[in-house]
Amino acid sequence: MLLGFSLLGINTANAAINCTSTMSDISFGNVYPQSTQTDSTATLSYKCTNDESRTASAKVCFSIGSPGGTSRQMQNGAANKLNYEFFQDPSRSIVWGSQFFGSKTPLVEDITIPANGVFSDTAIIYGRVTGNQVFVIPGTYTSSYGKGDTAVTVNGQRGNTAPRSCATKTQADQFDFRVQARVIDECKITTIGALDFGSIMSASTPTTAISSANLINVTCSKDVPYNIGLSTSNGNVDGLGVMKNSANTATVPYQLQSDSNGTLWGNKDVTSTNVGNGVTRIGTGLAKGETVFATVNNTDVKPDTYSDTVTVHVNY
């Protein structure tokens, strides 16, 4: 959690109540925007003193707007933004806003302080980074709350009952804090169906199978480069696999390829920084389908059903 705060001093005309408050910074840590939302909390601490020799009560209202008056967004540079929100409750259903604009839902606390007494308390702010922000690029995102973004009003009066509403005037002071998150590179893989040669006649001439356009689906964070390698169950790094029949008594060799020109597709020297004999792509935040080709040079074998398992490696 980041550390940082400022003191806030407020006086009221109707009762001699003075309050100071601090807000800790909010760190969401690592955020995976293609997944569900990311939650975090921070703590508002405040202390109010009654300088009169009689009981006094106050309605203390803590307002949080948004930098620039727009929706709440952290930024990485001028163009890259990450959406988030603040709430007053653990279920994150009541927005923590400002009494002066926007949702007009500040955090409201009613306090009563005995003569020459002190009242201290804390409140939790519940933050949430919205999920499914697939077009957010990886990096560190921040937002700062300072002058004009936060405010506290104290509406005080003598007695045991707090006023019914927030004060209409606030001091120039505010509780400063920062918000930070780090968007992490993320890739997901799914496969649909199989690379199927279908029913073919025994022959000594090559036979080629072409998968659907989305046999392999890779979803990587926007602007993240990645390299895809394919490894057959026999461990061959050049994409030369062996299909076996149901009794494991006969085999059919096959060659994986990345295009109709017969370019080999394997897993030799394929890393996050080297394409090797795989294929290279750049993430868009959306699923990218891959077509796989395979060739069998000789099907003059015992009739049966032959199969093998290919593992997809995505390096990023």
C-alpha atoms as a PDB file:
ATOM      1  CA  MET A   1       0.000   0.000   0.000  1.00  0.00           C
ATOM      2  CA  LEU A   2       1.329   3.420  -0.887  1.00  0.00           C
ATOM      3  CA  LEU A   3       1.718   5.942   1.909  1.00  0.00           C
ATOM      4  CA  GLY A   4       0.645   9.559   1.684  1.00  0.00           C
ATOM      5  CA  PHE A   5      -1.858  11.953   3.222  1.00  0.00           C
ATOM      6  CA  SER A   6      -2.546  15.527   4.245  1.00  0.00           C
ATOM      7  CA  LEU A   7      -4.133  17.032   7.331  1.00  0.00           C
ATOM      8  CA  LEU A   8      -7.546  18.667   7.197  1.00  0.00           C
ATOM      9  CA  GLY A   9      -8.702  21.300   9.684  1.00  0.00           C
ATOM     10  CA  ILE A  10     -12.312  22.520   9.861  1.00  0.00           C
ATOM     11  CA  ASN A  11     -14.167  24.840  12.218  1.00  0.00           C
ATOM     12  CA  THR A  12     -17.913  25.357  12.485  1.00  0.00           C
ATOM     13  CA  ALA A  13     -19.796  28.486  13.403  1.00  0.00           C
ATOM     14  CA  ASN A  14     -22.517  26.816  15.466  1.00  0.00           C
ATOM     15  CA  ALA A  15     -20.300  24.688  17.670  1.00  0.00           C
ATOM     16  CA  ALA A  16     -16.594  24.710  18.404  1.00  0.00           C
ATOM     17  CA  ILE A  17     -15.787  21.393  16.725  1.00  0.00           C
ATOM     18  CA  ASN A  18     -12.438  20.928  15.018  1.00  0.00           C
ATOM     19  CA  CYS A  19     -11.673  17.879  12.850  1.00  0.00           C
ATOM     20  CA  THR A  20      -8.549  16.473  11.224  1.00  0.00           C
ATOM     21  CA  SER A  21      -8.519  13.571   8.740  1.00  0.00           C
ATOM     22  CA  THR A  22      -6.204  11.487   6.583  1.00  0.00           C
ATOM     23  CA  MET A  23      -6.817   9.042   3.740  1.00  0.00           C
ATOM     24  CA  SER A  24      -4.347   6.276   2.893  1.00  0.00           C
ATOM     25  CA  ASP A  25      -3.500   5.631  -0.743  1.00  0.00           C
ATOM     26  CA  ILE A  26      -5.248   2.815  -2.607  1.00  0.00           C
ATOM     27  CA  SER A  27      -3.173   0.151  -4.333  1.00  0.00           C
ATOM     28  CA  PHE A  28      -4.984  -2.416  -6.479  1.00  0.00           C
ATOM     29  CA  GLY A  29      -1.755  -4.313  -7.088  1.00  0.00           C
ATOM     30  CA  ASN A  30      -1.742  -6.504 -10.197  1.00  0.00           C
ATOM     31  CA  VAL A  31      -4.807  -6.199 -12.405  1.00  0.00           C
ATOM     32  CA  TYR A  32      -5.800  -8.694 -15.106  1.00  0.00           C
ATOM     33  CA  PRO A  33      -8.319  -6.706 -17.155  1.00  0.00           C
ATOM     34  CA  GLN A  34      -9.500  -9.656 -19.264  1.00  0.00           C
ATOM     35  CA  SER A  35     -10.646 -11.371 -16.081  1.00  0.00           C
ATOM     36  CA  THR A  36     -13.103 -10.301 -13.379  1.00  0.00           C
ATOM     37  CA  GLN A  37     -12.893  -7.046 -11.464  1.00  0.00           C
ATOM     38  CA  THR A  38     -10.094  -6.301  -8.985  1.00  0.00           C
ATOM     39  CA  ASP A  39     -10.982  -5.012  -5.503  1.00  0.00           C
ATOM     40  CA  SER A  40      -9.000  -3.142  -2.875  1.00  0.00           C
ATOM     41  CA  THR A  41      -9.623  -0.983   0.187  1.00  0.00           C
ATOM     42  CA  ALA A  42      -8.121   1.983   1.988  1.00  0.00           C
ATOM     43  CA  THR A  43      -8.786   3.725   5.275  1.00  0.00           C
ATOM     44  CA  LEU A  44     -10.076   7.190   6.081  1.00  0.00           C
ATOM     45  CA  SER A  45      -9.083   8.219   9.632  1.00  0.00           C
ATOM     46  CA  TYR A  46     -10.517  11.271  11.337  1.00  0.00           C
ATOM     47  CA  LYS A  47     -10.540  12.913  14.771  1.00  0.00           C
ATOM     48  CA  CYS A  48     -12.851  15.661  15.985  1.00  0.00           C
ATOM     49  CA  THR A  49     -12.566  17.696  19.180  1.00  0.00           C
ATOM     50  CA  ASN A  50     -15.207  19.675  21.047  1.00  0.00           C
ATOM     51  CA  ASP A  51     -13.654  22.814  22.558  1.00  0.00           C
ATOM     52  CA  GLU A  52     -16.800  23.915  24.343  1.00  0.00           C
ATOM     53  CA  SER A  53     -17.818  23.082  27.902  1.00  0.00           C
ATOM     54  CA  ARG A  54     -21.041  21.477  26.709  1.00  0.00           C
ATOM     55  CA  THR A  55     -22.011  18.544  24.484  1.00  0.00           C
ATOM     56  CA  ALA A  56     -21.980  19.157  20.748  1.00  0.00           C
ATOM     57  CA  SER A  57     -22.998  17.091  17.720  1.00  0.00           C
ATOM     58  CA  ALA A  58     -22.117  17.314  14.038  1.00  0.00           C
ATOM     59  CA  LYS A  59     -22.844  15.853  10.659  1.00  0.00           C
ATOM     60  CA  VAL A  60     -19.474  15.273   9.032  1.00  0.00           C
ATOM     61  CA  CYS A  61     -19.579  14.728   5.265  1.00  0.00           C
ATOM     62  CA  PHE A  62     -16.600  13.409   3.279  1.00  0.00           C
ATOM     63  CA  SER A  63     -16.806  14.132  -0.447  1.00  0.00           C
ATOM     64  CA  ILE A  64     -14.693  12.545  -3.189  1.00  0.00           C
ATOM     65  CA  GLY A  65     -15.133  13.783  -6.723  1.00  0.00           C
ATOM     66  CA  SER A  66     -12.909  12.749  -9.601  1.00  0.00           C
ATOM     67  CA  PRO A  67      -9.814  14.440 -11.010  1.00  0.00           C
ATOM     68  CA  GLY A  68     -10.886  16.766 -13.804  1.00  0.00           C
ATOM     69  CA  GLY A  69     -14.568  16.125 -13.062  1.00  0.00           C
ATOM     70  CA  THR A  70     -14.745  13.114 -15.386  1.00  0.00           C
ATOM     71  CA  SER A  71     -15.472   9.456 -14.656  1.00  0.00           C
ATOM     72  CA  ARG A  72     -12.911   7.779 -12.427  1.00  0.00           C
ATOM     73  CA  GLN A  73     -10.013   6.589 -14.533  1.00  0.00           C
ATOM     74  CA  MET A  74      -6.375   5.887 -13.815  1.00  0.00           C
ATOM     75  CA  GLN A  75      -3.976   6.818 -16.591  1.00  0.00           C
ATOM     76  CA  ASN A  76      -0.818   5.480 -18.159  1.00  0.00           C
ATOM     77  CA  GLY A  77       0.239   8.342 -20.386  1.00  0.00           C
ATOM     78  CA  ALA A  78      -2.338  10.588 -22.004  1.00  0.00           C
ATOM     79  CA  ALA A  79      -4.244   7.995 -24.017  1.00  0.00           C
ATOM     80  CA  ASN A  80      -4.295   4.833 -21.873  1.00  0.00           C
ATOM     81  CA  LYS A  81      -7.006   4.712 -19.213  1.00  0.00           C
ATOM     82  CA  LEU A  82      -8.276   2.182 -16.665  1.00  0.00           C
ATOM     83  CA  ASN A  83     -11.791   2.490 -15.213  1.00  0.00           C
ATOM     84  CA  TYR A  84     -12.460   2.123 -11.491  1.00  0.00           C
ATOM     85  CA  GLU A  85     -14.938   3.231  -8.829  1.00  0.00           C
ATOM     86  CA  PHE A  86     -15.175   3.977  -5.084  1.00  0.00           C
ATOM     87  CA  PHE A  87     -17.904   2.616  -2.806  1.00  0.00           C
ATOM     88  CA  GLN A  88     -19.006   3.089   0.801  1.00  0.00           C
ATOM     89  CA  ASP A  89     -20.036  -0.513   1.494  1.00  0.00           C
ATOM     90  CA  PRO A  90     -18.402  -3.977   1.194  1.00  0.00           C
ATOM     91  CA  SER A  91     -20.965  -5.101  -1.406  1.00  0.00           C
ATOM     92  CA  ARG A  92     -19.875  -2.121  -3.513  1.00  0.00           C
ATOM     93  CA  SER A  93     -23.382  -0.903  -4.248  1.00  0.00           C
ATOM     94  CA  ILE A  94     -23.268   2.666  -2.819  1.00  0.00           C
ATOM     95  CA  VAL A  95     -20.915   4.963  -4.714  1.00  0.00           C
ATOM     96  CA  TRP A  96     -18.729   7.215  -2.583  1.00  0.00           C
ATOM     97  CA  GLY A  97     -19.195  10.531  -4.322  1.00  0.00           C
ATOM     98  CA  SER A  98     -19.328  14.244  -3.600  1.00  0.00           C
ATOM     99  CA  GLN A  99     -22.114  16.375  -2.144  1.00  0.00           C
ATOM    100  CA  PHE A 100     -21.285  19.097  -4.657  1.00  0.00           C
ATOM    101  CA  PHE A 101     -21.485  17.302  -8.013  1.00  0.00           C
ATOM    102  CA  GLY A 102     -21.755  13.943  -9.742  1.00  0.00           C
ATOM    103  CA  SER A 103     -23.543  11.214  -7.797  1.00  0.00           C
ATOM    104  CA  LYS A 104     -23.916  13.524  -4.747  1.00  0.00           C
ATOM    105  CA  THR A 105     -23.405  10.625  -2.338  1.00  0.00           C
ATOM    106  CA  PRO A 106     -20.691  11.650   0.124  1.00  0.00           C
ATOM    107  CA  LEU A 107     -19.879   9.498   3.122  1.00  0.00           C
ATOM    108  CA  VAL A 108     -21.952  10.911   5.999  1.00  0.00           C
ATOM    109  CA  GLU A 109     -21.056  10.411   9.666  1.00  0.00           C
ATOM    110  CA  ASP A 110     -23.113  11.691  12.628  1.00  0.00           C
ATOM    111  CA  ILE A 111     -21.046  12.248  15.751  1.00  0.00           C
ATOM    112  CA  THR A 112     -21.698  13.446  19.304  1.00  0.00           C
ATOM    113  CA  ILE A 113     -18.841  14.700  21.479  1.00  0.00           C
ATOM    114  CA  PRO A 114     -19.063  15.397  25.211  1.00  0.00           C
ATOM    115  CA  ALA A 115     -17.866  18.680  26.645  1.00  0.00           C
ATOM    116  CA  ASN A 116     -14.179  19.237  25.908  1.00  0.00           C
ATOM    117  CA  GLY A 117     -14.078  15.715  24.486  1.00  0.00           C
ATOM    118  CA  VAL A 118     -12.574  13.942  21.493  1.00  0.00           C
ATOM    119  CA  PHE A 119     -14.175  11.622  18.911  1.00  0.00           C
ATOM    120  CA  SER A 120     -12.018   9.391  16.677  1.00  0.00           C
ATOM    121  CA  ASP A 121     -13.087   6.873  14.058  1.00  0.00           C
ATOM    122  CA  THR A 122     -12.206   5.312  10.719  1.00  0.00           C
ATOM    123  CA  ALA A 123     -14.121   4.485   7.556  1.00  0.00           C
ATOM    124  CA  ILE A 124     -13.231   2.028   4.826  1.00  0.00           C
ATOM    125  CA  ILE A 125     -13.286   3.054   1.195  1.00  0.00           C
ATOM    126  CA  TYR A 126     -14.001   0.098  -1.103  1.00  0.00           C
ATOM    127  CA  GLY A 127     -12.384   0.379  -4.525  1.00  0.00           C
ATOM    128  CA  ARG A 128     -13.025  -1.699  -7.616  1.00  0.00           C
ATOM    129  CA  VAL A 129     -11.318  -1.839 -11.011  1.00  0.00           C
ATOM    130  CA  THR A 130     -13.926  -2.841 -13.557  1.00  0.00           C
ATOM    131  CA  GLY A 131     -13.405  -6.219 -15.233  1.00  0.00           C
ATOM    132  CA  ASN A 132     -13.385  -7.049 -18.932  1.00  0.00           C
ATOM    133  CA  GLN A 133     -11.404  -3.971 -20.006  1.00  0.00           C
ATOM    134  CA  VAL A 134      -9.865  -5.927 -22.853  1.00  0.00           C
ATOM    135  CA  PHE A 135      -8.333  -2.998 -24.729  1.00  0.00           C
ATOM    136  CA  VAL A 136      -6.232  -1.713 -21.811  1.00  0.00           C
ATOM    137  CA  ILE A 137      -2.517  -2.072 -22.502  1.00  0.00           C
ATOM    138  CA  PRO A 138      -0.185  -3.391 -19.762  1.00  0.00           C
ATOM    139  CA  GLY A 139       1.626  -0.908 -17.548  1.00  0.00           C
ATOM    140  CA  THR A 140       1.340   1.143 -14.355  1.00  0.00           C
ATOM    141  CA  TYR A 141      -1.772   3.303 -14.004  1.00  0.00           C
ATOM    142  CA  THR A 142      -2.219   6.082 -11.448  1.00  0.00           C
ATOM    143  CA  SER A 143      -4.652   8.777 -10.389  1.00  0.00           C
ATOM    144  CA  SER A 144      -4.108  11.553  -7.833  1.00  0.00           C
ATOM    145  CA  TYR A 145      -6.729  13.259  -5.689  1.00  0.00           C
ATOM    146  CA  GLY A 146      -5.779  16.734  -4.517  1.00  0.00           C
ATOM    147  CA  LYS A 147      -7.090  20.275  -4.354  1.00  0.00           C
ATOM    148  CA  GLY A 148     -10.648  20.464  -5.666  1.00  0.00           C
ATOM    149  CA  ASP A 149     -11.121  16.680  -5.813  1.00  0.00           C
ATOM    150  CA  THR A 150     -11.970  16.028  -2.156  1.00  0.00           C
ATOM    151  CA  ALA A 151     -13.756  18.036   0.533  1.00  0.00           C
ATOM    152  CA  VAL A 152     -15.064  17.754   4.076  1.00  0.00           C
ATOM    153  CA  THR A 153     -17.913  19.740   5.599  1.00  0.00           C
ATOM    154  CA  VAL A 154     -18.779  19.800   9.299  1.00  0.00           C
ATOM    155  CA  ASN A 155     -22.268  20.973  10.234  1.00  0.00           C
ATOM    156  CA  GLY A 156     -22.190  21.257  14.033  1.00  0.00           C
ATOM    157  CA  GLN A 157     -24.573  22.355  16.737  1.00  0.00           C
ATOM    158  CA  ARG A 158     -24.854  22.143  20.490  1.00  0.00           C
ATOM    159  CA  GLY A 159     -26.684  19.204  21.992  1.00  0.00           C
ATOM    160  CA  ASN A 160     -26.979  15.465  21.381  1.00  0.00           C
ATOM    161  CA  THR A 161     -28.522  15.570  17.895  1.00  0.00           C
ATOM    162  CA  ALA A 162     -26.615  16.141  14.682  1.00  0.00           C
ATOM    163  CA  PRO A 163     -28.045  18.512  12.047  1.00  0.00           C
ATOM    164  CA  ARG A 164     -30.145  16.969   9.306  1.00  0.00           C
ATOM    165  CA  SER A 165     -27.911  17.884   6.372  1.00  0.00           C
ATOM    166  CA  CYS A 166     -24.311  18.440   5.367  1.00  0.00           C
ATOM    167  CA  ALA A 167     -22.900  21.919   5.646  1.00  0.00           C
ATOM    168  CA  THR A 168     -23.004  23.939   2.458  1.00  0.00           C
ATOM    169  CA  LYS A 169     -19.505  25.401   2.809  1.00  0.00           C
ATOM    170  CA  THR A 170     -16.178  23.631   2.981  1.00  0.00           C
ATOM    171  CA  GLN A 171     -12.667  24.688   3.797  1.00  0.00           C
ATOM    172  CA  ALA A 172      -9.915  24.936   1.167  1.00  0.00           C
ATOM    173  CA  ASP A 173      -8.161  21.940   2.748  1.00  0.00           C
ATOM    174  CA  GLN A 174      -8.687  18.410   1.476  1.00  0.00           C
ATOM    175  CA  PHE A 175      -7.448  14.874   2.116  1.00  0.00           C
ATOM    176  CA  ASP A 176      -4.981  13.987  -0.625  1.00  0.00           C
ATOM    177  CA  PHE A 177      -4.395  10.421  -1.788  1.00  0.00           C
ATOM    178  CA  ARG A 178      -3.325   8.419  -4.817  1.00  0.00           C
ATOM    179  CA  VAL A 179      -4.703   5.396  -6.630  1.00  0.00           C
ATOM    180  CA  GLN A 180      -2.445   2.909  -8.400  1.00  0.00           C
ATOM    181  CA  ALA A 181      -2.725  -0.361 -10.306  1.00  0.00           C
ATOM    182  CA  ARG A 182      -0.443  -2.391 -12.525  1.00  0.00           C
ATOM    183  CA  VAL A 183      -2.061  -4.002 -15.551  1.00  0.00           C
ATOM    184  CA  ILE A 184      -0.355  -7.322 -16.212  1.00  0.00           C
ATOM    185  CA  ASP A 185       0.329  -9.009 -19.561  1.00  0.00           C
ATOM    186  CA  GLU A 186      -2.234 -11.762 -19.986  1.00  0.00           C
ATOM    187  CA  CYS A 187      -2.906 -14.436 -22.598  1.00  0.00           C
ATOM    188  CA  LYS A 188      -5.601 -17.098 -22.706  1.00  0.00           C
ATOM    189  CA  ILE A 189      -5.838 -20.140 -24.995  1.00  0.00           C
ATOM    190  CA  THR A 190      -8.849 -22.145 -26.097  1.00  0.00           C
ATOM    191  CA  THR A 191      -9.229 -24.798 -28.780  1.00  0.00           C
ATOM    192  CA  ILE A 192     -12.311 -25.757 -30.754  1.00  0.00           C
ATOM    193  CA  GLY A 193     -12.683 -29.140 -32.418  1.00  0.00           C
ATOM    194  CA  ALA A 194      -9.748 -31.040 -33.905  1.00  0.00           C
ATOM    195  CA  LEU A 195      -7.458 -31.110 -36.888  1.00  0.00           C
ATOM    196  CA  ASP A 196      -9.253 -33.930 -38.690  1.00  0.00           C
ATOM    197  CA  PHE A 197      -8.071 -35.748 -41.811  1.00  0.00           C
ATOM    198  CA  GLY A 198     -11.476 -37.413 -41.997  1.00  0.00           C
ATOM    199  CA  SER A 199     -11.928 -40.740 -43.740  1.00  0.00           C
ATOM    200  CA  ILE A 200      -9.187 -41.305 -46.301  1.00  0.00           C
ATOM    201  CA  MET A 201      -8.219 -44.192 -48.535  1.00  0.00           C
ATOM    202  CA  SER A 202      -4.975 -46.074 -48.070  1.00  0.00           C
ATOM    203  CA  ALA A 203      -2.458 -44.532 -50.442  1.00  0.00           C
ATOM    204  CA  SER A 204       1.186 -43.659 -50.771  1.00  0.00           C
ATOM    205  CA  THR A 205       0.519 -40.059 -51.898  1.00  0.00           C
ATOM    206  CA  PRO A 206       0.489 -37.132 -49.439  1.00  0.00           C
ATOM    207  CA  THR A 207      -2.789 -36.039 -47.855  1.00  0.00           C
ATOM    208  CA  THR A 208      -3.234 -32.589 -46.283  1.00  0.00           C
ATOM    209  CA  ALA A 209      -5.717 -31.603 -43.580  1.00  0.00           C
ATOM    210  CA  ILE A 210      -6.724 -27.995 -42.870  1.00  0.00           C
ATOM    211  CA  SER A 211      -8.304 -27.032 -39.575  1.00  0.00           C
ATOM    212  CA  SER A 212     -11.060 -24.507 -39.052  1.00  0.00           C
ATOM    213  CA  ALA A 213      -9.950 -20.879 -38.786  1.00  0.00           C
ATOM    214  CA  ASN A 214     -10.383 -20.957 -35.006  1.00  0.00           C
ATOM    215  CA  LEU A 215      -8.977 -24.360 -34.060  1.00  0.00           C
ATOM    216  CA  ILE A 216      -6.627 -22.409 -31.764  1.00  0.00           C
ATOM    217  CA  ASN A 217      -7.868 -19.170 -30.188  1.00  0.00           C
ATOM    218  CA  VAL A 218      -5.405 -16.914 -28.379  1.00  0.00           C
ATOM    219  CA  THR A 219      -6.535 -13.817 -26.499  1.00  0.00           C
ATOM    220  CA  CYS A 220      -3.631 -11.613 -25.416  1.00  0.00           C
ATOM    221  CA  SER A 221      -3.555  -8.150 -23.875  1.00  0.00           C
ATOM    222  CA  LYS A 222      -3.495  -5.263 -26.320  1.00  0.00           C
ATOM    223  CA  ASP A 223      -0.094  -4.609 -27.928  1.00  0.00           C
ATOM    224  CA  VAL A 224       1.518  -7.632 -26.241  1.00  0.00           C
ATOM    225  CA  PRO A 225       3.701  -9.650 -28.693  1.00  0.00           C
ATOM    226  CA  TYR A 226       3.469 -13.421 -28.382  1.00  0.00           C
ATOM    227  CA  ASN A 227       4.862 -16.511 -30.121  1.00  0.00           C
ATOM    228  CA  ILE A 228       2.952 -19.771 -30.558  1.00  0.00           C
ATOM    229  CA  GLY A 229       4.670 -23.137 -30.638  1.00  0.00           C
ATOM    230  CA  LEU A 230       3.156 -26.590 -31.233  1.00  0.00           C
ATOM    231  CA  SER A 231       4.618 -29.751 -29.766  1.00  0.00           C
ATOM    232  CA  THR A 232       3.513 -33.282 -30.616  1.00  0.00           C
ATOM    233  CA  SER A 233       3.206 -36.014 -27.991  1.00  0.00           C
ATOM    234  CA  ASN A 234       6.454 -37.674 -29.104  1.00  0.00           C
ATOM    235  CA  GLY A 235       8.404 -34.547 -28.159  1.00  0.00           C
ATOM    236  CA  ASN A 236       9.530 -33.654 -31.664  1.00  0.00           C
ATOM    237  CA  VAL A 237      10.287 -29.894 -31.783  1.00  0.00           C
ATOM    238  CA  ASP A 238       9.869 -29.657 -35.556  1.00  0.00           C
ATOM    239  CA  GLY A 239       6.164 -30.522 -35.544  1.00  0.00           C
ATOM    240  CA  LEU A 240       6.712 -34.087 -36.828  1.00  0.00           C
ATOM    241  CA  GLY A 241       4.203 -36.167 -34.893  1.00  0.00           C
ATOM    242  CA  VAL A 242       2.921 -39.725 -34.917  1.00  0.00           C
ATOM    243  CA  MET A 243      -0.712 -40.764 -34.784  1.00  0.00           C
ATOM    244  CA  LYS A 244      -1.430 -44.171 -33.256  1.00  0.00           C
ATOM    245  CA  ASN A 245      -4.314 -46.531 -33.781  1.00  0.00           C
ATOM    246  CA  SER A 246      -6.659 -47.600 -30.992  1.00  0.00           C
ATOM    247  CA  ALA A 247      -4.542 -50.648 -30.086  1.00  0.00           C
ATOM    248  CA  ASN A 248      -1.204 -48.773 -30.332  1.00  0.00           C
ATOM    249  CA  THR A 249      -0.047 -51.346 -32.857  1.00  0.00           C
ATOM    250  CA  ALA A 250       0.226 -49.118 -35.935  1.00  0.00           C
ATOM    251  CA  THR A 251       1.246 -45.524 -36.576  1.00  0.00           C
ATOM    252  CA  VAL A 252       0.836 -42.738 -39.123  1.00  0.00           C
ATOM    253  CA  PRO A 253       3.475 -39.966 -39.141  1.00  0.00           C
ATOM    254  CA  TYR A 254       2.264 -36.408 -39.851  1.00  0.00           C
ATOM    255  CA  GLN A 255       3.792 -32.962 -40.206  1.00  0.00           C
ATOM    256  CA  LEU A 256       2.303 -29.792 -38.674  1.00  0.00           C
ATOM    257  CA  GLN A 257       2.434 -26.668 -40.832  1.00  0.00           C
ATOM    258  CA  SER A 258       1.471 -23.007 -40.407  1.00  0.00           C
ATOM    259  CA  ASP A 259       0.355 -22.316 -43.983  1.00  0.00           C
ATOM    260  CA  SER A 260      -0.568 -23.916 -47.288  1.00  0.00           C
ATOM    261  CA  ASN A 261       3.025 -23.549 -48.483  1.00  0.00           C
ATOM    262  CA  GLY A 262       4.188 -26.259 -46.094  1.00  0.00           C
ATOM    263  CA  THR A 263       6.022 -24.062 -43.567  1.00  0.00           C
ATOM    264  CA  LEU A 264       6.870 -26.263 -40.585  1.00  0.00           C
ATOM    265  CA  TRP A 265       5.183 -25.406 -37.302  1.00  0.00           C
ATOM    266  CA  GLY A 266       6.919 -26.762 -34.235  1.00  0.00           C
ATOM    267  CA  ASN A 267       8.250 -25.675 -30.877  1.00  0.00           C
ATOM    268  CA  LYS A 268      11.970 -25.347 -31.529  1.00  0.00           C
ATOM    269  CA  ASP A 269      13.519 -22.270 -29.890  1.00  0.00           C
ATOM    270  CA  VAL A 270      10.085 -20.703 -29.402  1.00  0.00           C
ATOM    271  CA  THR A 271      10.227 -18.270 -26.467  1.00  0.00           C
ATOM    272  CA  SER A 272       8.641 -14.975 -25.501  1.00  0.00           C
ATOM    273  CA  THR A 273      11.359 -13.121 -27.417  1.00  0.00           C
ATOM    274  CA  ASN A 274      12.135 -15.588 -30.229  1.00  0.00           C
ATOM    275  CA  VAL A 275       9.679 -17.025 -32.726  1.00  0.00           C
ATOM    276  CA  GLY A 276      11.828 -20.072 -33.595  1.00  0.00           C
ATOM    277  CA  ASN A 277       9.818 -22.334 -35.888  1.00  0.00           C
ATOM    278  CA  GLY A 278       6.517 -21.143 -34.407  1.00  0.00           C
ATOM    279  CA  VAL A 279       4.342 -18.218 -35.449  1.00  0.00           C
ATOM    280  CA  THR A 280       4.395 -14.672 -34.073  1.00  0.00           C
ATOM    281  CA  ARG A 281       1.484 -12.370 -33.354  1.00  0.00           C
ATOM    282  CA  ILE A 282       0.589  -9.163 -31.447  1.00  0.00           C
ATOM    283  CA  GLY A 283      -2.332  -9.091 -29.029  1.00  0.00           C
ATOM    284  CA  THR A 284      -5.395  -6.952 -29.671  1.00  0.00           C
ATOM    285  CA  GLY A 285      -7.354  -7.750 -26.513  1.00  0.00           C
ATOM    286  CA  LEU A 286      -9.680  -9.951 -28.574  1.00  0.00           C
ATOM    287  CA  ALA A 287      -9.453 -13.622 -29.534  1.00  0.00           C
ATOM    288  CA  LYS A 288      -7.295 -14.347 -32.597  1.00  0.00           C
ATOM    289  CA  GLY A 289      -8.019 -17.624 -34.387  1.00  0.00           C
ATOM    290  CA  GLU A 290      -5.247 -19.738 -35.887  1.00  0.00           C
ATOM    291  CA  THR A 291      -5.538 -22.222 -38.752  1.00  0.00           C
ATOM    292  CA  VAL A 292      -3.338 -25.313 -38.568  1.00  0.00           C
ATOM    293  CA  PHE A 293      -2.279 -27.423 -41.539  1.00  0.00           C
ATOM    294  CA  ALA A 294      -0.977 -30.987 -41.409  1.00  0.00           C
ATOM    295  CA  THR A 295       0.298 -33.419 -44.033  1.00  0.00           C
ATOM    296  CA  VAL A 296       0.439 -37.228 -44.029  1.00  0.00           C
ATOM    297  CA  ASN A 297       2.841 -38.594 -46.651  1.00  0.00           C
ATOM    298  CA  ASN A 298       1.754 -42.220 -46.554  1.00  0.00           C
ATOM    299  CA  THR A 299      -1.591 -43.682 -45.506  1.00  0.00           C
ATOM    300  CA  ASP A 300      -0.866 -47.182 -46.741  1.00  0.00           C
ATOM    301  CA  VAL A 301      -1.405 -48.615 -43.270  1.00  0.00           C
ATOM    302  CA  LYS A 302      -3.776 -50.889 -41.421  1.00  0.00           C
ATOM    303  CA  PRO A 303      -7.320 -49.449 -41.525  1.00  0.00           C
ATOM    304  CA  ASP A 304      -8.252 -47.980 -38.140  1.00  0.00           C
ATOM    305  CA  THR A 305      -8.774 -44.680 -36.336  1.00  0.00           C
ATOM    306  CA  TYR A 306      -5.497 -42.865 -35.689  1.00  0.00           C
ATOM    307  CA  SER A 307      -4.995 -39.894 -33.371  1.00  0.00           C
ATOM    308  CA  ASP A 308      -2.457 -37.845 -31.464  1.00  0.00           C
ATOM    309  CA  THR A 309      -2.461 -34.930 -29.020  1.00  0.00           C
ATOM    310  CA  VAL A 310      -0.735 -31.631 -29.809  1.00  0.00           C
ATOM    311  CA  THR A 311       0.129 -29.120 -27.072  1.00  0.00           C
ATOM    312  CA  VAL A 312      -0.151 -25.389 -27.800  1.00  0.00           C
ATOM    313  CA  HIS A 313       2.474 -23.130 -26.213  1.00  0.00           C
ATOM    314  CA  VAL A 314       1.876 -19.382 -26.049  1.00  0.00           C
ATOM    315  CA  ASN A 315       4.954 -17.430 -24.971  1.00  0.00           C
ATOM    316  CA  TYR A 316       4.584 -13.743 -24.063  1.00  0.00           C
END
